[in-house]
N, C-alpha and C. Protein backbone atom coordinates (compact mmCIF):
# COMPACT_ATOMS: atom_id res chain seq x y z
N MET A 1 30.94 21.39 -18.11
CA MET A 1 31.74 22.61 -18.17
C MET A 1 32.45 22.73 -19.51
N ARG A 2 33.02 21.60 -20.00
CA ARG A 2 33.72 21.64 -21.28
C ARG A 2 32.78 22.01 -22.40
N ASN A 3 31.54 21.44 -22.38
CA ASN A 3 30.57 21.75 -23.42
C ASN A 3 30.20 23.22 -23.39
N ARG A 4 30.03 23.77 -22.17
CA ARG A 4 29.69 25.19 -22.07
C ARG A 4 30.81 26.05 -22.63
N ARG A 5 32.05 25.73 -22.28
CA ARG A 5 33.17 26.50 -22.80
C ARG A 5 33.24 26.39 -24.31
N SER A 6 32.98 25.20 -24.85
CA SER A 6 33.02 25.01 -26.29
C SER A 6 31.96 25.85 -26.98
N VAL A 7 30.74 25.85 -26.42
CA VAL A 7 29.65 26.65 -26.99
C VAL A 7 29.99 28.13 -26.96
N MET A 8 30.49 28.61 -25.81
CA MET A 8 30.80 30.03 -25.69
C MET A 8 31.95 30.43 -26.59
N SER A 9 33.01 29.59 -26.65
CA SER A 9 34.15 29.91 -27.50
C SER A 9 33.75 29.98 -28.95
N SER A 10 32.96 29.01 -29.40
CA SER A 10 32.49 29.00 -30.78
C SER A 10 31.63 30.21 -31.08
N SER A 11 30.78 30.58 -30.13
CA SER A 11 29.86 31.69 -30.36
C SER A 11 30.57 33.03 -30.29
N VAL A 12 31.59 33.18 -29.44
CA VAL A 12 32.37 34.41 -29.42
C VAL A 12 33.02 34.63 -30.77
N ARG A 13 33.60 33.56 -31.33
CA ARG A 13 34.23 33.67 -32.64
C ARG A 13 33.19 33.98 -33.71
N ALA A 14 32.05 33.30 -33.66
CA ALA A 14 31.01 33.53 -34.65
C ALA A 14 30.40 34.91 -34.51
N LEU A 15 30.21 35.37 -33.27
CA LEU A 15 29.68 36.72 -33.06
C LEU A 15 30.62 37.77 -33.61
N ARG A 16 31.94 37.55 -33.46
CA ARG A 16 32.92 38.47 -34.02
C ARG A 16 32.73 38.56 -35.52
N ASP A 17 32.60 37.41 -36.19
CA ASP A 17 32.39 37.39 -37.62
C ASP A 17 31.04 38.03 -37.97
N ALA A 18 30.04 37.74 -37.14
CA ALA A 18 28.71 38.27 -37.40
C ALA A 18 28.68 39.78 -37.29
N LEU A 19 29.37 40.32 -36.30
CA LEU A 19 29.44 41.77 -36.13
C LEU A 19 29.99 42.41 -37.40
N ALA A 20 31.09 41.84 -37.89
CA ALA A 20 31.70 42.39 -39.09
C ALA A 20 30.78 42.29 -40.28
N ALA A 21 30.18 41.13 -40.45
CA ALA A 21 29.31 40.93 -41.60
C ALA A 21 28.08 41.81 -41.54
N LEU A 22 27.48 41.92 -40.36
CA LEU A 22 26.29 42.74 -40.21
C LEU A 22 26.57 44.18 -40.56
N VAL A 23 27.62 44.72 -39.98
CA VAL A 23 27.94 46.13 -40.21
C VAL A 23 28.28 46.38 -41.67
N LEU A 24 29.12 45.53 -42.23
CA LEU A 24 29.57 45.76 -43.59
C LEU A 24 28.52 45.36 -44.60
N GLY A 25 27.76 44.31 -44.30
CA GLY A 25 26.73 43.87 -45.22
C GLY A 25 25.59 44.85 -45.32
N VAL A 26 25.19 45.43 -44.17
CA VAL A 26 24.07 46.38 -44.17
C VAL A 26 24.55 47.79 -44.48
N ALA A 27 25.64 48.21 -43.84
CA ALA A 27 26.05 49.60 -43.96
C ALA A 27 26.61 49.94 -45.31
N MET A 28 27.21 48.99 -46.01
CA MET A 28 27.81 49.31 -47.29
C MET A 28 26.81 49.28 -48.43
N ALA A 29 25.57 48.95 -48.15
CA ALA A 29 24.60 48.77 -49.22
C ALA A 29 24.38 50.03 -50.05
N THR A 30 24.53 51.21 -49.44
CA THR A 30 24.28 52.45 -50.19
C THR A 30 25.46 53.41 -50.12
N THR A 31 26.64 52.89 -49.84
CA THR A 31 27.81 53.75 -49.73
C THR A 31 28.22 54.30 -51.09
N ALA A 32 28.62 55.58 -51.12
CA ALA A 32 29.16 56.16 -52.34
C ALA A 32 30.63 55.82 -52.46
N PHE A 33 31.10 55.63 -53.69
CA PHE A 33 32.48 55.22 -53.91
C PHE A 33 33.31 56.38 -54.47
N ALA A 34 34.60 56.32 -54.21
CA ALA A 34 35.52 57.31 -54.75
C ALA A 34 36.82 56.62 -55.10
N ALA A 35 37.57 57.20 -55.99
CA ALA A 35 38.83 56.59 -56.40
C ALA A 35 39.87 56.72 -55.30
N ALA A 36 40.87 55.82 -55.33
CA ALA A 36 42.00 55.91 -54.41
C ALA A 36 42.65 57.28 -54.60
N PRO A 37 43.31 57.87 -53.57
CA PRO A 37 43.66 57.25 -52.29
C PRO A 37 42.61 57.42 -51.20
N GLY A 38 41.48 58.06 -51.45
CA GLY A 38 40.49 58.27 -50.40
C GLY A 38 39.41 57.20 -50.39
N PHE A 39 39.71 56.04 -50.94
CA PHE A 39 38.72 55.00 -51.10
C PHE A 39 38.15 54.55 -49.75
N VAL A 40 39.03 54.27 -48.78
CA VAL A 40 38.58 53.81 -47.48
C VAL A 40 37.66 54.84 -46.82
N ASP A 41 38.11 56.10 -46.81
CA ASP A 41 37.31 57.14 -46.18
C ASP A 41 35.97 57.32 -46.90
N ALA A 42 35.97 57.14 -48.22
CA ALA A 42 34.71 57.26 -48.97
C ALA A 42 33.76 56.14 -48.57
N LEU A 43 34.28 54.94 -48.37
CA LEU A 43 33.44 53.83 -47.92
C LEU A 43 32.86 54.11 -46.54
N LEU A 44 33.72 54.57 -45.64
CA LEU A 44 33.30 54.79 -44.26
C LEU A 44 32.33 55.95 -44.13
N ALA A 45 32.45 56.93 -45.02
CA ALA A 45 31.65 58.15 -44.89
C ALA A 45 30.16 57.88 -44.96
N GLY A 46 29.78 56.83 -45.70
CA GLY A 46 28.35 56.56 -45.87
C GLY A 46 27.81 55.47 -44.99
N MET A 47 28.52 55.13 -43.91
CA MET A 47 28.14 53.96 -43.14
C MET A 47 27.20 54.22 -41.97
N ALA A 48 26.96 55.43 -41.60
CA ALA A 48 26.05 55.69 -40.49
C ALA A 48 24.64 55.25 -40.89
N ARG A 49 24.01 54.45 -40.02
CA ARG A 49 22.70 53.90 -40.33
C ARG A 49 21.74 54.06 -39.15
N THR A 50 20.47 54.01 -39.46
CA THR A 50 19.44 54.06 -38.44
C THR A 50 18.91 52.66 -38.19
N PRO A 51 19.03 52.15 -36.97
CA PRO A 51 18.52 50.81 -36.68
C PRO A 51 16.99 50.81 -36.63
N PRO A 52 16.38 49.60 -36.73
CA PRO A 52 17.00 48.27 -36.80
C PRO A 52 17.41 47.93 -38.23
N ALA A 53 18.34 47.01 -38.37
CA ALA A 53 18.81 46.56 -39.67
C ALA A 53 19.10 45.06 -39.59
N SER A 54 18.85 44.36 -40.68
CA SER A 54 19.06 42.90 -40.71
C SER A 54 19.63 42.49 -42.05
N THR A 55 20.32 41.36 -42.09
CA THR A 55 20.83 40.81 -43.34
C THR A 55 20.95 39.30 -43.21
N PRO A 56 20.63 38.54 -44.26
CA PRO A 56 20.83 37.10 -44.21
C PRO A 56 22.30 36.76 -44.34
N PHE A 57 22.71 35.60 -43.85
CA PHE A 57 24.10 35.18 -43.97
C PHE A 57 24.19 33.66 -44.14
N VAL A 58 25.28 33.26 -44.78
CA VAL A 58 25.70 31.85 -44.83
C VAL A 58 27.17 31.85 -44.46
N GLN A 59 27.54 31.14 -43.42
CA GLN A 59 28.93 31.12 -42.97
C GLN A 59 29.54 29.74 -43.13
N VAL A 60 30.72 29.70 -43.75
CA VAL A 60 31.47 28.46 -43.93
C VAL A 60 32.76 28.59 -43.13
N SER A 61 32.95 27.71 -42.15
CA SER A 61 34.13 27.76 -41.28
C SER A 61 35.07 26.61 -41.61
N TYR A 62 36.35 26.96 -41.77
CA TYR A 62 37.39 25.97 -42.04
C TYR A 62 38.29 25.88 -40.81
N ARG A 63 38.21 24.77 -40.10
CA ARG A 63 38.94 24.60 -38.86
C ARG A 63 39.78 23.34 -38.91
N GLY A 64 40.97 23.44 -38.35
CA GLY A 64 41.90 22.32 -38.39
C GLY A 64 41.38 21.08 -37.71
N VAL A 65 40.48 21.23 -36.74
CA VAL A 65 39.97 20.07 -35.99
C VAL A 65 38.80 19.40 -36.69
N LEU A 66 38.34 19.97 -37.82
CA LEU A 66 37.19 19.41 -38.52
C LEU A 66 37.63 18.74 -39.82
N ASP A 67 36.95 17.65 -40.17
CA ASP A 67 37.24 16.93 -41.41
C ASP A 67 36.64 17.61 -42.62
N ARG A 68 35.60 18.41 -42.39
CA ARG A 68 34.92 19.10 -43.50
C ARG A 68 34.46 20.47 -43.00
N PRO A 69 34.21 21.40 -43.91
CA PRO A 69 33.78 22.74 -43.49
C PRO A 69 32.46 22.68 -42.72
N LEU A 70 32.33 23.57 -41.74
CA LEU A 70 31.09 23.72 -40.99
C LEU A 70 30.28 24.84 -41.63
N VAL A 71 29.05 24.55 -42.03
CA VAL A 71 28.20 25.52 -42.72
C VAL A 71 26.98 25.82 -41.86
N VAL A 72 26.76 27.09 -41.56
CA VAL A 72 25.55 27.51 -40.84
C VAL A 72 24.95 28.70 -41.59
N SER A 73 23.65 28.91 -41.40
CA SER A 73 22.98 30.03 -42.07
C SER A 73 21.87 30.58 -41.19
N GLY A 74 21.52 31.82 -41.44
CA GLY A 74 20.49 32.47 -40.65
C GLY A 74 20.42 33.95 -40.95
N THR A 75 20.20 34.75 -39.90
CA THR A 75 20.00 36.19 -40.05
C THR A 75 20.77 36.95 -38.98
N LEU A 76 21.35 38.07 -39.36
CA LEU A 76 22.05 38.95 -38.44
C LEU A 76 21.21 40.21 -38.23
N HIS A 77 21.17 40.70 -36.97
CA HIS A 77 20.35 41.87 -36.65
C HIS A 77 21.19 42.88 -35.87
N TRP A 78 20.96 44.16 -36.15
CA TRP A 78 21.52 45.24 -35.34
C TRP A 78 20.36 46.09 -34.87
N PHE A 79 20.25 46.27 -33.54
CA PHE A 79 19.12 46.98 -32.95
C PHE A 79 19.50 48.38 -32.47
N GLY A 80 20.74 48.76 -32.71
CA GLY A 80 21.22 50.06 -32.27
C GLY A 80 22.20 49.93 -31.12
N GLY A 81 23.16 50.87 -31.05
CA GLY A 81 24.17 50.82 -29.99
C GLY A 81 24.97 49.54 -30.04
N ASP A 82 25.11 48.87 -28.88
CA ASP A 82 25.87 47.63 -28.85
C ASP A 82 24.96 46.40 -28.91
N ARG A 83 23.69 46.59 -29.27
CA ARG A 83 22.75 45.48 -29.27
C ARG A 83 22.68 44.82 -30.65
N MET A 84 23.28 43.65 -30.72
CA MET A 84 23.31 42.88 -31.95
C MET A 84 22.94 41.43 -31.67
N GLN A 85 22.49 40.73 -32.71
CA GLN A 85 22.02 39.35 -32.53
C GLN A 85 22.31 38.54 -33.79
N ARG A 86 22.71 37.29 -33.56
CA ARG A 86 22.90 36.34 -34.67
C ARG A 86 21.97 35.16 -34.44
N ASP A 87 21.06 34.93 -35.40
CA ASP A 87 20.15 33.79 -35.33
C ASP A 87 20.56 32.76 -36.37
N ILE A 88 20.95 31.57 -35.91
CA ILE A 88 21.23 30.45 -36.80
C ILE A 88 19.94 29.65 -36.96
N ASP A 89 19.56 29.38 -38.21
CA ASP A 89 18.37 28.57 -38.50
C ASP A 89 18.73 27.15 -38.93
N LYS A 90 19.86 27.01 -39.64
CA LYS A 90 20.29 25.70 -40.15
C LYS A 90 21.79 25.54 -39.93
N PRO A 91 22.26 24.34 -39.63
CA PRO A 91 21.56 23.04 -39.48
C PRO A 91 20.99 22.84 -38.08
N PHE A 92 21.14 23.81 -37.21
CA PHE A 92 20.54 23.77 -35.88
C PHE A 92 20.06 25.17 -35.56
N ARG A 93 19.36 25.33 -34.45
CA ARG A 93 18.86 26.64 -34.07
C ARG A 93 19.67 27.15 -32.88
N GLU A 94 20.18 28.37 -33.04
CA GLU A 94 20.96 29.00 -31.97
C GLU A 94 20.81 30.50 -32.07
N THR A 95 20.70 31.15 -30.93
CA THR A 95 20.63 32.61 -30.87
C THR A 95 21.75 33.12 -30.00
N ALA A 96 22.54 34.03 -30.53
CA ALA A 96 23.62 34.66 -29.78
C ALA A 96 23.38 36.17 -29.80
N LYS A 97 23.46 36.78 -28.62
CA LYS A 97 23.16 38.20 -28.49
C LYS A 97 24.31 38.93 -27.81
N ILE A 98 24.51 40.18 -28.23
CA ILE A 98 25.42 41.09 -27.54
C ILE A 98 24.61 42.32 -27.15
N GLY A 99 24.76 42.75 -25.90
CA GLY A 99 24.07 43.94 -25.44
C GLY A 99 24.36 44.22 -23.99
N ASP A 100 24.47 45.48 -23.65
CA ASP A 100 24.72 45.89 -22.27
C ASP A 100 25.96 45.21 -21.68
N GLY A 101 27.00 45.10 -22.50
CA GLY A 101 28.27 44.55 -22.03
C GLY A 101 28.27 43.06 -21.80
N GLU A 102 27.31 42.34 -22.39
CA GLU A 102 27.19 40.90 -22.15
C GLU A 102 26.97 40.15 -23.45
N LEU A 103 27.52 38.92 -23.51
CA LEU A 103 27.27 37.99 -24.60
C LEU A 103 26.44 36.85 -24.04
N SER A 104 25.33 36.50 -24.71
CA SER A 104 24.52 35.35 -24.31
C SER A 104 24.31 34.43 -25.50
N VAL A 105 24.26 33.13 -25.22
CA VAL A 105 24.11 32.13 -26.27
C VAL A 105 23.09 31.09 -25.82
N GLN A 106 22.14 30.77 -26.71
CA GLN A 106 21.16 29.73 -26.42
C GLN A 106 21.05 28.80 -27.63
N ARG A 107 21.31 27.52 -27.41
CA ARG A 107 21.18 26.51 -28.46
C ARG A 107 19.80 25.87 -28.34
N GLY A 108 18.96 26.05 -29.37
CA GLY A 108 17.61 25.50 -29.34
C GLY A 108 16.83 26.03 -28.16
N ASN A 109 16.22 25.12 -27.40
CA ASN A 109 15.49 25.50 -26.20
C ASN A 109 16.31 25.26 -24.94
N GLY A 110 17.61 25.12 -25.12
CA GLY A 110 18.48 24.82 -24.00
C GLY A 110 18.76 26.01 -23.12
N LYS A 111 19.66 25.81 -22.18
CA LYS A 111 20.02 26.83 -21.21
C LYS A 111 20.70 28.01 -21.89
N VAL A 112 20.42 29.20 -21.40
CA VAL A 112 21.08 30.41 -21.90
C VAL A 112 22.41 30.58 -21.15
N HIS A 113 23.51 30.59 -21.90
CA HIS A 113 24.83 30.80 -21.31
C HIS A 113 25.21 32.27 -21.48
N ARG A 114 25.69 32.87 -20.41
CA ARG A 114 26.03 34.29 -20.43
C ARG A 114 27.48 34.50 -20.00
N VAL A 115 28.11 35.50 -20.62
CA VAL A 115 29.46 35.87 -20.23
C VAL A 115 29.64 37.36 -20.45
N SER A 116 30.35 38.01 -19.55
CA SER A 116 30.64 39.43 -19.70
C SER A 116 31.61 39.64 -20.85
N LEU A 117 31.43 40.72 -21.60
CA LEU A 117 32.37 41.01 -22.68
C LEU A 117 33.77 41.30 -22.13
N ALA A 118 33.84 41.63 -20.85
CA ALA A 118 35.16 41.80 -20.23
C ALA A 118 35.93 40.50 -20.24
N ARG A 119 35.22 39.37 -20.28
CA ARG A 119 35.85 38.05 -20.35
C ARG A 119 35.94 37.55 -21.78
N ALA A 120 35.46 38.35 -22.74
CA ALA A 120 35.53 38.01 -24.15
C ALA A 120 36.10 39.21 -24.90
N PRO A 121 37.34 39.58 -24.62
CA PRO A 121 37.90 40.81 -25.17
C PRO A 121 37.94 40.84 -26.69
N GLN A 122 38.04 39.67 -27.32
CA GLN A 122 38.09 39.62 -28.78
C GLN A 122 36.79 40.18 -29.37
N ALA A 123 35.66 39.69 -28.87
CA ALA A 123 34.37 40.17 -29.36
C ALA A 123 34.16 41.63 -28.96
N GLY A 124 34.60 41.99 -27.75
CA GLY A 124 34.43 43.36 -27.28
C GLY A 124 35.18 44.36 -28.11
N ALA A 125 36.42 44.03 -28.47
CA ALA A 125 37.24 44.95 -29.27
C ALA A 125 36.65 45.14 -30.66
N VAL A 126 36.20 44.04 -31.26
CA VAL A 126 35.61 44.14 -32.58
C VAL A 126 34.30 44.92 -32.52
N LEU A 127 33.52 44.70 -31.47
CA LEU A 127 32.28 45.45 -31.30
C LEU A 127 32.55 46.95 -31.24
N ALA A 128 33.56 47.34 -30.46
CA ALA A 128 33.90 48.75 -30.36
C ALA A 128 34.29 49.32 -31.71
N GLY A 129 35.07 48.55 -32.46
CA GLY A 129 35.50 49.00 -33.77
C GLY A 129 34.34 49.18 -34.73
N PHE A 130 33.43 48.23 -34.72
CA PHE A 130 32.34 48.30 -35.67
C PHE A 130 31.23 49.26 -35.25
N ARG A 131 31.16 49.56 -33.95
CA ARG A 131 30.27 50.65 -33.54
C ARG A 131 30.78 51.96 -34.13
N ALA A 132 32.10 52.12 -34.17
CA ALA A 132 32.68 53.31 -34.79
C ALA A 132 32.38 53.33 -36.29
N MET A 133 32.38 52.14 -36.91
CA MET A 133 32.10 52.08 -38.34
C MET A 133 30.65 52.44 -38.62
N LEU A 134 29.72 51.94 -37.78
CA LEU A 134 28.32 52.28 -37.97
C LEU A 134 28.10 53.78 -37.85
N GLY A 135 28.91 54.43 -37.03
CA GLY A 135 28.80 55.87 -36.88
C GLY A 135 29.60 56.64 -37.91
N GLY A 136 30.28 55.92 -38.82
CA GLY A 136 31.10 56.57 -39.83
C GLY A 136 32.32 57.25 -39.25
N ASP A 137 32.77 56.79 -38.08
CA ASP A 137 33.89 57.42 -37.36
C ASP A 137 35.19 56.72 -37.74
N ALA A 138 35.83 57.18 -38.82
CA ALA A 138 37.05 56.56 -39.32
C ALA A 138 38.18 56.64 -38.30
N ALA A 139 38.26 57.77 -37.59
CA ALA A 139 39.34 57.95 -36.62
C ALA A 139 39.24 56.92 -35.50
N ALA A 140 38.03 56.69 -34.99
CA ALA A 140 37.84 55.70 -33.93
C ALA A 140 38.12 54.30 -34.43
N LEU A 141 37.71 54.00 -35.66
CA LEU A 141 37.94 52.67 -36.23
C LEU A 141 39.42 52.39 -36.39
N ARG A 142 40.17 53.42 -36.77
CA ARG A 142 41.60 53.24 -36.98
C ARG A 142 42.36 53.03 -35.67
N LYS A 143 41.72 53.29 -34.54
CA LYS A 143 42.36 52.97 -33.26
C LYS A 143 42.44 51.47 -33.05
N GLU A 144 41.50 50.73 -33.64
CA GLU A 144 41.47 49.28 -33.48
C GLU A 144 42.07 48.54 -34.67
N PHE A 145 41.97 49.14 -35.88
CA PHE A 145 42.37 48.45 -37.10
C PHE A 145 43.17 49.35 -38.03
N MET A 146 44.08 48.74 -38.76
CA MET A 146 44.70 49.38 -39.92
C MET A 146 43.80 49.07 -41.12
N LEU A 147 43.44 50.09 -41.87
CA LEU A 147 42.46 49.95 -42.93
C LEU A 147 43.09 50.15 -44.30
N SER A 148 42.65 49.36 -45.26
CA SER A 148 43.08 49.55 -46.64
C SER A 148 41.97 49.06 -47.56
N ALA A 149 41.96 49.55 -48.79
CA ALA A 149 40.97 49.13 -49.76
C ALA A 149 41.58 49.19 -51.15
N GLN A 150 41.12 48.30 -52.00
CA GLN A 150 41.59 48.30 -53.39
C GLN A 150 40.44 47.94 -54.32
N GLY A 151 40.60 48.31 -55.58
CA GLY A 151 39.56 48.04 -56.57
C GLY A 151 38.81 49.30 -56.95
N ASP A 152 37.62 49.10 -57.48
CA ASP A 152 36.77 50.21 -57.87
C ASP A 152 35.33 49.80 -57.61
N ASP A 153 34.37 50.57 -58.15
CA ASP A 153 32.99 50.26 -57.83
C ASP A 153 32.48 49.00 -58.52
N THR A 154 33.28 48.41 -59.41
CA THR A 154 32.91 47.14 -60.04
C THR A 154 33.22 45.97 -59.12
N ASN A 155 34.44 45.96 -58.59
CA ASN A 155 34.86 44.97 -57.62
C ASN A 155 35.82 45.64 -56.65
N TRP A 156 35.62 45.44 -55.35
CA TRP A 156 36.49 46.07 -54.37
C TRP A 156 36.69 45.13 -53.19
N THR A 157 37.80 45.36 -52.48
CA THR A 157 38.11 44.62 -51.27
C THR A 157 38.57 45.61 -50.21
N MET A 158 37.97 45.55 -49.05
CA MET A 158 38.37 46.37 -47.91
C MET A 158 38.95 45.44 -46.85
N THR A 159 40.14 45.75 -46.34
CA THR A 159 40.84 44.89 -45.39
C THR A 159 41.06 45.61 -44.07
N LEU A 160 40.77 44.90 -42.98
CA LEU A 160 40.97 45.42 -41.63
C LEU A 160 41.98 44.52 -40.93
N VAL A 161 43.06 45.10 -40.46
CA VAL A 161 44.10 44.36 -39.74
C VAL A 161 44.18 44.92 -38.32
N PRO A 162 44.06 44.07 -37.29
CA PRO A 162 44.04 44.58 -35.92
C PRO A 162 45.34 45.26 -35.52
N ARG A 163 45.23 46.29 -34.71
CA ARG A 163 46.39 47.02 -34.22
C ARG A 163 46.86 46.51 -32.86
N THR A 164 45.90 46.19 -31.98
CA THR A 164 46.24 45.88 -30.60
C THR A 164 46.80 44.47 -30.47
N GLY A 165 47.75 44.29 -29.53
CA GLY A 165 48.38 42.99 -29.34
C GLY A 165 47.39 41.92 -28.95
N GLN A 166 46.43 42.26 -28.08
CA GLN A 166 45.46 41.27 -27.62
C GLN A 166 44.63 40.74 -28.77
N LEU A 167 44.17 41.62 -29.65
CA LEU A 167 43.37 41.19 -30.78
C LEU A 167 44.22 40.49 -31.83
N LYS A 168 45.45 40.93 -32.01
CA LYS A 168 46.34 40.31 -32.99
C LYS A 168 46.68 38.87 -32.62
N GLN A 169 46.60 38.54 -31.34
CA GLN A 169 46.85 37.17 -30.91
C GLN A 169 45.76 36.22 -31.40
N LYS A 170 44.59 36.75 -31.71
CA LYS A 170 43.47 35.94 -32.15
C LYS A 170 43.15 36.08 -33.63
N LEU A 171 43.41 37.27 -34.16
CA LEU A 171 42.89 37.61 -35.47
C LEU A 171 43.99 38.18 -36.37
N VAL A 172 44.10 37.65 -37.59
CA VAL A 172 45.07 38.17 -38.56
C VAL A 172 44.45 39.30 -39.37
N SER A 173 43.27 39.06 -39.93
CA SER A 173 42.65 40.09 -40.77
C SER A 173 41.18 39.76 -41.02
N ILE A 174 40.45 40.80 -41.41
CA ILE A 174 39.08 40.68 -41.90
C ILE A 174 39.07 41.37 -43.26
N ALA A 175 38.66 40.64 -44.29
CA ALA A 175 38.60 41.21 -45.64
C ALA A 175 37.16 41.13 -46.13
N VAL A 176 36.67 42.25 -46.66
CA VAL A 176 35.31 42.30 -47.18
C VAL A 176 35.38 42.53 -48.68
N ASP A 177 34.72 41.64 -49.42
CA ASP A 177 34.67 41.76 -50.88
C ASP A 177 33.30 42.24 -51.30
N GLY A 178 33.28 43.17 -52.24
CA GLY A 178 32.01 43.70 -52.69
C GLY A 178 32.00 44.04 -54.15
N ARG A 179 30.83 44.32 -54.64
CA ARG A 179 30.65 44.71 -56.05
C ARG A 179 29.61 45.81 -56.08
N GLY A 180 29.90 46.86 -56.83
CA GLY A 180 28.98 47.98 -56.87
C GLY A 180 28.79 48.57 -55.49
N HIS A 181 27.56 48.69 -55.06
CA HIS A 181 27.26 49.27 -53.75
C HIS A 181 26.86 48.21 -52.74
N GLU A 182 27.30 46.97 -52.94
CA GLU A 182 26.86 45.89 -52.08
C GLU A 182 28.03 45.03 -51.63
N ALA A 183 28.13 44.80 -50.32
CA ALA A 183 29.08 43.83 -49.80
C ALA A 183 28.59 42.43 -50.13
N ARG A 184 29.53 41.55 -50.48
CA ARG A 184 29.16 40.20 -50.89
C ARG A 184 29.64 39.15 -49.88
N CYS A 185 30.88 39.29 -49.44
CA CYS A 185 31.48 38.26 -48.59
C CYS A 185 32.42 38.89 -47.57
N LEU A 186 32.63 38.15 -46.50
CA LEU A 186 33.55 38.55 -45.46
C LEU A 186 34.46 37.36 -45.16
N VAL A 187 35.76 37.57 -45.28
CA VAL A 187 36.74 36.50 -45.06
C VAL A 187 37.54 36.83 -43.80
N VAL A 188 37.49 35.95 -42.82
CA VAL A 188 38.18 36.14 -41.55
C VAL A 188 39.31 35.14 -41.44
N GLN A 189 40.52 35.62 -41.19
CA GLN A 189 41.69 34.76 -40.99
C GLN A 189 42.09 34.83 -39.53
N ASP A 190 42.01 33.68 -38.84
CA ASP A 190 42.40 33.62 -37.44
C ASP A 190 43.89 33.37 -37.30
N ALA A 191 44.44 33.78 -36.16
CA ALA A 191 45.87 33.62 -35.93
C ALA A 191 46.29 32.15 -35.82
N ASN A 192 45.36 31.28 -35.48
CA ASN A 192 45.69 29.85 -35.34
C ASN A 192 45.60 29.08 -36.64
N GLY A 193 45.36 29.78 -37.76
CA GLY A 193 45.30 29.14 -39.06
C GLY A 193 43.90 28.82 -39.52
N ASP A 194 42.91 28.88 -38.63
CA ASP A 194 41.52 28.67 -39.04
C ASP A 194 41.02 29.88 -39.82
N SER A 195 39.94 29.69 -40.54
CA SER A 195 39.37 30.80 -41.31
C SER A 195 37.87 30.57 -41.48
N SER A 196 37.18 31.62 -41.89
CA SER A 196 35.77 31.50 -42.20
C SER A 196 35.42 32.47 -43.31
N ILE A 197 34.43 32.08 -44.09
CA ILE A 197 33.93 32.93 -45.17
C ILE A 197 32.43 33.08 -44.96
N MET A 198 31.98 34.32 -44.87
CA MET A 198 30.56 34.57 -44.66
C MET A 198 29.99 35.30 -45.86
N LEU A 199 28.98 34.70 -46.49
CA LEU A 199 28.24 35.34 -47.56
C LEU A 199 27.13 36.16 -46.92
N VAL A 200 26.93 37.39 -47.40
CA VAL A 200 25.89 38.25 -46.83
C VAL A 200 25.02 38.82 -47.94
N GLY A 201 23.83 39.25 -47.55
CA GLY A 201 22.93 39.90 -48.49
C GLY A 201 22.56 39.01 -49.66
N ALA A 202 22.69 39.54 -50.87
CA ALA A 202 22.29 38.82 -52.07
C ALA A 202 23.10 37.55 -52.26
N MET A 203 24.37 37.57 -51.90
CA MET A 203 25.20 36.36 -52.04
C MET A 203 24.68 35.26 -51.14
N ALA A 204 24.26 35.60 -49.93
CA ALA A 204 23.70 34.61 -49.01
C ALA A 204 22.40 34.03 -49.57
N GLU A 205 21.60 34.89 -50.18
CA GLU A 205 20.33 34.42 -50.75
C GLU A 205 20.56 33.47 -51.91
N GLN A 206 21.67 33.63 -52.65
CA GLN A 206 22.00 32.72 -53.73
C GLN A 206 22.43 31.36 -53.20
N GLY A 207 22.97 31.33 -51.97
CA GLY A 207 23.38 30.08 -51.36
C GLY A 207 24.70 29.57 -51.89
N LEU A 208 25.08 28.37 -51.43
CA LEU A 208 26.33 27.74 -51.84
C LEU A 208 26.11 26.87 -53.07
N HIS A 209 27.16 26.69 -53.84
CA HIS A 209 27.09 25.85 -55.03
C HIS A 209 27.54 24.43 -54.75
N SER A 210 27.98 24.18 -53.52
CA SER A 210 28.45 22.84 -53.13
C SER A 210 28.18 22.65 -51.64
N ALA A 211 27.90 21.40 -51.25
CA ALA A 211 27.68 21.11 -49.83
C ALA A 211 28.97 21.21 -49.03
N THR A 212 30.11 21.02 -49.70
CA THR A 212 31.42 21.13 -49.05
C THR A 212 32.30 22.05 -49.88
N PRO A 213 32.04 23.33 -49.87
CA PRO A 213 32.77 24.28 -50.73
C PRO A 213 34.25 24.37 -50.37
N GLN A 214 35.10 24.35 -51.39
CA GLN A 214 36.52 24.52 -51.19
C GLN A 214 36.83 26.00 -50.98
N GLU A 215 37.72 26.27 -50.04
CA GLU A 215 37.99 27.66 -49.67
C GLU A 215 38.46 28.51 -50.85
N PRO A 216 39.45 28.06 -51.65
CA PRO A 216 39.90 28.91 -52.77
C PRO A 216 38.79 29.18 -53.78
N VAL A 217 37.94 28.19 -54.00
CA VAL A 217 36.85 28.35 -54.96
C VAL A 217 35.84 29.37 -54.45
N LEU A 218 35.54 29.31 -53.16
CA LEU A 218 34.57 30.24 -52.59
C LEU A 218 35.12 31.66 -52.55
N VAL A 219 36.40 31.82 -52.23
CA VAL A 219 37.02 33.14 -52.24
C VAL A 219 36.98 33.73 -53.64
N ALA A 220 37.29 32.91 -54.65
CA ALA A 220 37.26 33.38 -56.03
C ALA A 220 35.85 33.83 -56.43
N ARG A 221 34.84 33.09 -55.99
CA ARG A 221 33.46 33.48 -56.28
C ARG A 221 33.14 34.81 -55.63
N CYS A 222 33.58 34.99 -54.39
CA CYS A 222 33.31 36.23 -53.67
C CYS A 222 33.92 37.43 -54.40
N ARG A 223 35.06 37.20 -55.03
CA ARG A 223 35.78 38.29 -55.70
C ARG A 223 35.45 38.40 -57.17
N GLY A 224 34.42 37.67 -57.58
CA GLY A 224 33.94 37.78 -58.96
C GLY A 224 34.88 37.23 -59.99
N GLN A 225 35.70 36.25 -59.59
CA GLN A 225 36.69 35.68 -60.52
C GLN A 225 36.16 34.42 -61.18
C-alpha cells in the first residue's frame, strides 16, 4: 500500500509538471509577442492548438528527502480535451495518463494504478487551468492562476501563481522561461520547499551539462544567463 501511494503521489506531482510543460512547450512554439502591458494576453492569444501534439522533456527534481537530484526524461503527449500522457524512458520506463476524469500510472510492465482526479485535486485543478490555456481562454485561466510576464521576445518569463486555497497549499508558482517563440524551461516551486525544473523542446534535446545539475546553475541556463 505504501509503495502504491508513493508511486501515485510522485506521478500526480509529475503529471502536474508535465501538464504545464506540455501546454507551454507546445503551445508557445508559434505564439506572437507584444510589448507590456498586454504581454500575457499576447502569449495566451496564440495558444489554441489542434491535437495531437508532443514534446520531449528532461525533468530534474530537487526534493528534501533525496541526497541528489532525480533526473527523468521522455516525451509528453496531448491528444485533445483532457487526454494527456507522460512517457518516461530513462532511467526507468513509466507511463502516466490523464483522461476521462482519471489518472493512471504504470511502471514498466507492472500493475496499472488508477485514481479518480476527484482524489487528486492538485492535478485536476492544473488540468482545468491548462485546458483553458490550450483554448486561449485567458479569463478561464485567471480563475485558477494569477498571471504575469516580463521580458521581450529575446528572453521572457511567464509566471503562474495559484489563486485557490487548495492549490496554494501544494504549489507556490510555475514559471516558464523562453526565448523568441519557444518555451525552454518550466520551474515549479512546491509549498513544501521542493522544486523541479523541466527542460522542454530544443532545450530537452540538448540535454543536461552535468549528471547532478545544481539548481541555480540550471535556472540561469534556462534564462539565458
